[in-house]
């Protein structure tokens, strides 16, 4: 496994940990996913302009 793959796996693990700590309920996870989706959508709309 190269260093880039290791870094990406470590980042994914940290993000998963942070999301699981920040979301105590399924509703909380849903809100987080919705917020992330909206942010991605705004970014893609800005990129089109």
N, C-alpha and C. Protein backbone atom coordinates (compact mmCIF):
# COMPACT_ATOMS: atom_id res chain seq x y z
N UNK A 1 0.86 -1.18 0.00
CA UNK A 1 0.00 0.00 0.00
C UNK A 1 0.90 1.23 0.00
N UNK A 2 0.64 2.16 -0.93
CA UNK A 2 1.50 3.33 -0.99
C UNK A 2 1.06 4.38 0.02
N UNK A 3 1.85 5.41 0.17
CA UNK A 3 1.59 6.42 1.21
C UNK A 3 0.32 7.22 0.94
N UNK A 4 -0.01 7.44 -0.32
CA UNK A 4 -1.24 8.18 -0.64
C UNK A 4 -2.47 7.39 -0.19
N UNK A 5 -2.45 6.09 -0.45
CA UNK A 5 -3.56 5.24 -0.04
C UNK A 5 -3.69 5.22 1.47
N UNK A 6 -2.57 5.13 2.15
CA UNK A 6 -2.59 5.14 3.62
C UNK A 6 -3.15 6.44 4.16
N UNK A 7 -2.76 7.55 3.55
CA UNK A 7 -3.27 8.85 3.99
C UNK A 7 -4.77 8.96 3.78
N UNK A 8 -5.25 8.48 2.62
CA UNK A 8 -6.67 8.52 2.34
C UNK A 8 -7.46 7.63 3.30
N UNK A 9 -6.93 6.46 3.61
CA UNK A 9 -7.59 5.57 4.56
C UNK A 9 -7.62 6.19 5.96
N UNK A 10 -6.53 6.84 6.36
CA UNK A 10 -6.49 7.49 7.66
C UNK A 10 -7.48 8.64 7.71
N UNK A 11 -7.56 9.41 6.64
CA UNK A 11 -8.51 10.51 6.59
C UNK A 11 -9.94 10.00 6.65
N UNK A 12 -10.23 8.94 5.92
CA UNK A 12 -11.57 8.35 5.95
C UNK A 12 -11.91 7.85 7.35
N UNK A 13 -10.94 7.25 8.04
CA UNK A 13 -11.17 6.76 9.39
C UNK A 13 -11.46 7.91 10.35
N UNK A 14 -10.70 8.97 10.24
CA UNK A 14 -10.91 10.14 11.10
C UNK A 14 -12.26 10.78 10.84
N UNK A 15 -12.62 10.93 9.57
CA UNK A 15 -13.92 11.51 9.23
C UNK A 15 -15.06 10.64 9.74
N UNK A 16 -14.91 9.33 9.60
CA UNK A 16 -15.94 8.42 10.10
C UNK A 16 -16.08 8.55 11.60
N UNK A 17 -14.97 8.63 12.29
CA UNK A 17 -15.00 8.79 13.74
C UNK A 17 -15.67 10.10 14.14
N UNK A 18 -15.31 11.18 13.48
CA UNK A 18 -15.91 12.48 13.80
C UNK A 18 -17.40 12.50 13.52
N UNK A 19 -17.81 11.91 12.41
CA UNK A 19 -19.24 11.87 12.08
C UNK A 19 -20.00 11.02 13.07
N UNK A 20 -19.43 9.90 13.47
CA UNK A 20 -20.14 9.03 14.41
C UNK A 20 -20.23 9.65 15.80
N UNK A 21 -19.24 10.41 16.19
CA UNK A 21 -19.28 11.08 17.48
C UNK A 21 -20.25 12.24 17.43
N UNK A 22 -20.31 12.94 16.32
CA UNK A 22 -21.18 14.11 16.19
C UNK A 22 -22.65 13.76 15.97
N UNK A 23 -22.94 12.53 15.61
CA UNK A 23 -24.31 12.14 15.31
C UNK A 23 -24.75 11.07 16.31
N UNK A 24 -25.58 11.46 17.23
CA UNK A 24 -26.02 10.51 18.24
C UNK A 24 -27.23 9.70 17.81
N UNK A 25 -27.94 10.14 16.80
CA UNK A 25 -29.14 9.44 16.38
C UNK A 25 -29.16 9.30 14.87
N UNK A 26 -30.05 8.47 14.39
CA UNK A 26 -30.20 8.31 12.95
C UNK A 26 -30.67 9.62 12.34
N UNK A 27 -31.51 10.34 13.03
CA UNK A 27 -31.98 11.64 12.54
C UNK A 27 -30.79 12.59 12.38
N UNK A 28 -29.87 12.55 13.33
CA UNK A 28 -28.68 13.40 13.25
C UNK A 28 -27.82 13.05 12.04
N UNK A 29 -27.69 11.76 11.77
CA UNK A 29 -26.93 11.33 10.59
C UNK A 29 -27.61 11.83 9.33
N UNK A 30 -28.93 11.72 9.28
CA UNK A 30 -29.67 12.18 8.11
C UNK A 30 -29.48 13.66 7.87
N UNK A 31 -29.49 14.44 8.94
CA UNK A 31 -29.29 15.88 8.80
C UNK A 31 -27.88 16.18 8.30
N UNK A 32 -26.90 15.45 8.83
CA UNK A 32 -25.52 15.67 8.39
C UNK A 32 -25.35 15.33 6.92
N UNK A 33 -25.95 14.23 6.49
CA UNK A 33 -25.85 13.82 5.08
C UNK A 33 -26.55 14.85 4.20
N UNK A 34 -27.70 15.33 4.66
CA UNK A 34 -28.43 16.34 3.89
C UNK A 34 -27.61 17.62 3.75
N UNK A 35 -26.99 18.04 4.84
CA UNK A 35 -26.17 19.25 4.82
C UNK A 35 -24.98 19.08 3.87
N UNK A 36 -24.35 17.91 3.94
CA UNK A 36 -23.22 17.64 3.05
C UNK A 36 -23.67 17.65 1.59
N UNK A 37 -24.83 17.07 1.32
CA UNK A 37 -25.36 17.05 -0.04
C UNK A 37 -25.64 18.45 -0.56
N UNK A 38 -26.19 19.29 0.29
CA UNK A 38 -26.47 20.67 -0.11
C UNK A 38 -25.17 21.42 -0.42
N UNK A 39 -24.14 21.18 0.40
CA UNK A 39 -22.86 21.84 0.17
C UNK A 39 -22.26 21.40 -1.16
N UNK A 40 -22.36 20.11 -1.46
CA UNK A 40 -21.84 19.60 -2.73
C UNK A 40 -22.63 20.21 -3.90
N UNK A 41 -23.93 20.30 -3.73
CA UNK A 41 -24.77 20.87 -4.79
C UNK A 41 -24.42 22.34 -5.03
N UNK A 42 -24.24 23.12 -3.97
CA UNK A 42 -23.86 24.53 -4.13
C UNK A 42 -22.52 24.65 -4.84
N UNK A 43 -21.58 23.82 -4.46
CA UNK A 43 -20.26 23.87 -5.07
C UNK A 43 -20.33 23.54 -6.56
N UNK A 44 -21.12 22.54 -6.90
CA UNK A 44 -21.23 22.16 -8.32
C UNK A 44 -21.94 23.25 -9.11
N UNK A 45 -22.93 23.90 -8.51
CA UNK A 45 -23.61 24.99 -9.22
C UNK A 45 -22.67 26.18 -9.43
N UNK A 46 -21.82 26.45 -8.46
CA UNK A 46 -20.84 27.54 -8.63
C UNK A 46 -19.84 27.20 -9.72
N UNK A 47 -19.48 25.91 -9.80
CA UNK A 47 -18.49 25.50 -10.81
C UNK A 47 -19.05 25.62 -12.22
N UNK A 48 -20.37 25.45 -12.36
CA UNK A 48 -20.99 25.57 -13.68
C UNK A 48 -20.99 27.01 -14.16
N UNK A 49 -21.09 27.95 -13.24
CA UNK A 49 -21.17 29.38 -13.62
C UNK A 49 -19.85 29.93 -14.01
